Protein backbone atom coordinates (compact mmCIF):
# COMPACT_ATOMS: atom_id res chain seq x y z
CA MET A 1 -20.31 -14.82 -13.11
CA ALA A 2 -20.71 -16.19 -9.59
CA ILE A 3 -17.13 -17.50 -9.56
CA ILE A 4 -15.81 -14.08 -10.63
CA ARG A 5 -17.79 -12.45 -7.78
CA ARG A 6 -16.29 -14.90 -5.29
CA ILE A 7 -12.78 -14.19 -6.58
CA LEU A 8 -13.34 -10.43 -6.36
CA HIS A 9 -14.69 -10.76 -2.83
CA GLY A 10 -11.71 -12.95 -1.91
CA ILE A 11 -9.26 -10.36 -3.20
CA ASP A 12 -11.19 -7.63 -1.38
CA PHE A 13 -11.09 -9.64 1.84
CA VAL A 14 -7.30 -10.15 1.67
CA CYS A 15 -6.58 -6.51 0.78
CA ILE A 16 -8.90 -5.12 3.46
CA TRP A 17 -7.58 -7.55 6.07
CA ALA A 18 -3.96 -6.61 5.25
CA GLY A 19 -4.79 -2.90 5.48
CA LYS A 20 -6.63 -3.21 8.78
CA LEU A 21 -3.94 -5.44 10.25
CA SER A 22 -1.22 -3.00 9.24
CA ALA A 23 -3.13 -0.19 10.94
CA PHE A 24 -2.21 -1.81 14.25
CA LEU A 25 1.41 -0.97 13.54
CA VAL A 26 0.57 2.48 14.78
CA ILE A 27 0.74 1.12 18.36
CA PRO A 28 4.42 0.09 18.32
CA LEU A 29 5.16 3.19 16.19
CA ILE A 30 3.69 5.47 18.88
CA LEU A 31 5.53 3.53 21.60
CA ALA A 32 8.84 3.90 19.75
CA VAL A 33 8.32 7.64 19.26
CA VAL A 34 7.35 8.19 22.91
CA TYR A 35 10.31 6.10 24.10
CA GLU A 36 12.70 8.08 21.92
CA VAL A 37 11.30 11.47 23.01
CA VAL A 38 11.46 10.57 26.71
CA SER A 39 14.92 9.03 26.34
CA ARG A 40 16.31 11.90 24.29
CA TYR A 41 14.79 14.88 26.09
CA GLY A 42 14.11 13.44 29.53
CA PHE A 43 17.38 11.56 30.04
CA ASP A 44 19.63 13.06 27.35
CA ALA A 45 20.16 9.52 26.04
CA PRO A 46 18.95 9.20 22.46
CA THR A 47 18.61 5.74 20.98
CA ILE A 48 20.38 4.45 17.87
CA TRP A 49 17.39 2.41 16.75
CA ALA A 50 14.34 4.67 17.02
CA PHE A 51 14.68 6.36 13.62
CA GLU A 52 14.98 3.02 11.79
CA ILE A 53 12.08 1.42 13.63
CA GLU A 54 9.85 4.47 13.08
CA ARG A 55 10.67 4.55 9.38
CA MET A 56 10.07 0.82 8.89
CA LEU A 57 6.81 0.74 10.87
CA GLY A 58 5.48 3.92 9.29
CA GLY A 59 6.47 2.83 5.78
CA THR A 60 4.95 -0.62 6.23
CA MET A 61 1.75 0.82 7.61
CA PHE A 62 1.49 3.25 4.71
CA VAL A 63 2.11 0.85 1.79
CA MET A 64 0.13 -2.05 3.27
CA GLY A 65 -2.86 0.25 3.56
CA LEU A 66 -2.85 1.39 -0.09
CA ALA A 67 -5.01 -1.44 -1.45
CA TRP A 68 -7.49 -1.03 1.40
CA VAL A 69 -7.80 2.70 0.76
CA LEU A 70 -8.32 2.07 -2.96
CA LEU A 71 -11.06 -0.48 -2.35
CA MET A 72 -12.82 1.85 0.10
CA ARG A 73 -12.55 4.65 -2.49
CA ALA A 74 -11.03 6.73 0.28
CA HIS A 75 -8.00 8.07 -1.55
CA VAL A 76 -7.73 11.80 -2.05
CA ARG A 77 -8.92 13.20 -5.37
CA VAL A 78 -8.18 16.73 -6.37
CA ASP A 79 -10.58 17.49 -9.16
CA LEU A 80 -12.98 20.04 -10.46
CA PHE A 81 -15.13 17.88 -12.70
CA TYR A 82 -14.91 14.23 -11.60
CA GLN A 83 -17.26 14.54 -8.63
CA ARG A 84 -19.96 16.08 -10.83
CA TRP A 85 -19.86 13.26 -13.39
CA SER A 86 -22.26 10.34 -13.41
CA PRO A 87 -21.01 6.99 -12.04
CA ARG A 88 -20.65 5.80 -15.66
CA GLY A 89 -18.53 8.84 -16.58
CA GLN A 90 -16.34 8.36 -13.52
CA ALA A 91 -15.94 4.66 -14.31
CA ILE A 92 -14.98 5.40 -17.93
CA LEU A 93 -12.27 7.82 -16.81
CA ASP A 94 -11.02 5.44 -14.12
CA ALA A 95 -10.96 2.46 -16.48
CA VAL A 96 -9.19 4.34 -19.29
CA LEU A 97 -6.52 5.77 -16.96
CA THR A 98 -6.04 2.40 -15.29
CA LEU A 99 -5.65 0.68 -18.65
CA LEU A 100 -3.38 3.30 -20.24
CA ILE A 101 -1.25 4.41 -17.30
CA VAL A 102 -1.54 2.25 -14.20
CA PHE A 103 -1.33 -1.27 -15.62
CA PRO A 104 1.65 -0.49 -17.90
CA LEU A 105 3.42 1.20 -15.00
CA TRP A 106 2.83 -1.85 -12.83
CA ALA A 107 4.26 -4.14 -15.52
CA VAL A 108 7.54 -2.23 -15.21
CA VAL A 109 7.64 -1.44 -11.49
CA LEU A 110 6.54 -4.69 -9.82
CA PRO A 111 9.27 -6.95 -11.28
CA ASP A 112 11.89 -4.37 -10.27
CA MET A 113 10.50 -4.27 -6.74
CA ALA A 114 10.60 -8.05 -6.49
CA GLU A 115 14.20 -8.10 -7.75
CA PHE A 116 15.07 -5.33 -5.26
CA ALA A 117 13.74 -7.48 -2.38
CA ILE A 118 15.36 -10.72 -3.63
CA LYS A 119 18.76 -9.06 -3.89
CA SER A 120 18.36 -7.62 -0.41
CA TRP A 121 17.66 -11.10 0.99
CA ALA A 122 20.58 -12.59 -0.94
CA ILE A 123 23.09 -10.22 0.64
CA HIS A 124 21.34 -10.02 4.06
CA GLU A 125 21.25 -6.28 3.59
CA GLN A 126 21.69 -4.00 6.57
CA SER A 127 20.83 -0.35 6.88
CA SER A 128 23.59 2.18 6.59
CA ASP A 129 21.41 5.02 7.88
CA SER A 130 22.29 4.53 11.55
CA ALA A 131 24.86 2.95 13.79
CA TRP A 132 22.36 0.24 14.62
CA ARG A 133 22.90 -1.42 11.19
CA ASN A 134 19.64 -3.36 11.45
CA ILE A 135 18.54 -5.87 8.82
CA ILE A 136 16.26 -4.34 6.22
CA TYR A 137 15.47 -7.16 3.82
CA PRO A 138 12.16 -8.00 5.55
CA PHE A 139 11.18 -4.35 5.19
CA LYS A 140 12.18 -4.34 1.53
CA THR A 141 9.94 -7.40 1.05
CA VAL A 142 6.93 -5.40 2.23
CA MET A 143 7.09 -3.23 -0.90
CA PRO A 144 6.46 -5.93 -3.54
CA VAL A 145 3.90 -7.63 -1.28
CA ALA A 146 2.00 -4.38 -0.71
CA PHE A 147 2.14 -3.40 -4.35
CA THR A 148 0.98 -6.86 -5.42
CA LEU A 149 -2.04 -6.38 -3.14
CA LEU A 150 -2.55 -2.94 -4.66
CA LEU A 151 -2.37 -4.44 -8.16
CA LEU A 152 -5.00 -7.03 -7.19
CA ALA A 153 -7.18 -4.24 -5.80
CA LEU A 154 -6.68 -2.29 -9.03
CA VAL A 155 -7.79 -5.32 -11.05
CA THR A 156 -10.95 -5.74 -8.98
CA THR A 157 -11.64 -2.00 -9.20
CA PHE A 158 -11.08 -2.10 -12.97
CA ILE A 159 -13.54 -5.02 -13.34
CA ARG A 160 -16.10 -3.15 -11.26
CA ASP A 161 -15.56 -0.02 -13.37
CA ILE A 162 -16.26 -2.04 -16.53
CA GLU A 163 -19.41 -3.37 -14.87
CA THR A 164 -20.42 0.20 -13.96
CA ILE A 165 -19.85 1.32 -17.55
CA ILE A 166 -22.12 -1.49 -18.79
CA ARG A 167 -24.85 -1.08 -16.15
CA GLY A 168 -24.64 2.66 -15.67
CA LYS A 169 -24.51 2.50 -11.87
CA ARG A 170 -21.87 1.61 -9.28
CA CYS A 171 -21.73 -2.06 -8.49
């Protein structure tokens, strides 16, 4: 059991570290937005790169933070009943939905994401959304990496839900 705890804590550490590190992308994101606004409205000289940079930084920050948010149980829940249930009841619902919906979905989606990124690298894909034509294969690699971290966080959460079901209290 001690080795499982160490593995779970290791996965938690990596997911939390990745989420916190990605949060710092807000700094260059803000700088790019401010630069674009000043350039566009102050000097009537819009950039060709700002939209792409903002989309890539914002998207990376969002998906790399998903596992962290899951582990912190900070995601938004819209429910009428869940919050009133006991920890065991919540864990049963979470475990059942994870087992029946989330894991099967991941089995389909993650390989496709990896193939999507591999193909992008193979052709040295460039964006067609702006005249800048920047490379986008590193950005497309972020998706399978982030979703692999999210899958790992889901596995650790699932294991903890099973433990909560057995013990009757959150672990």
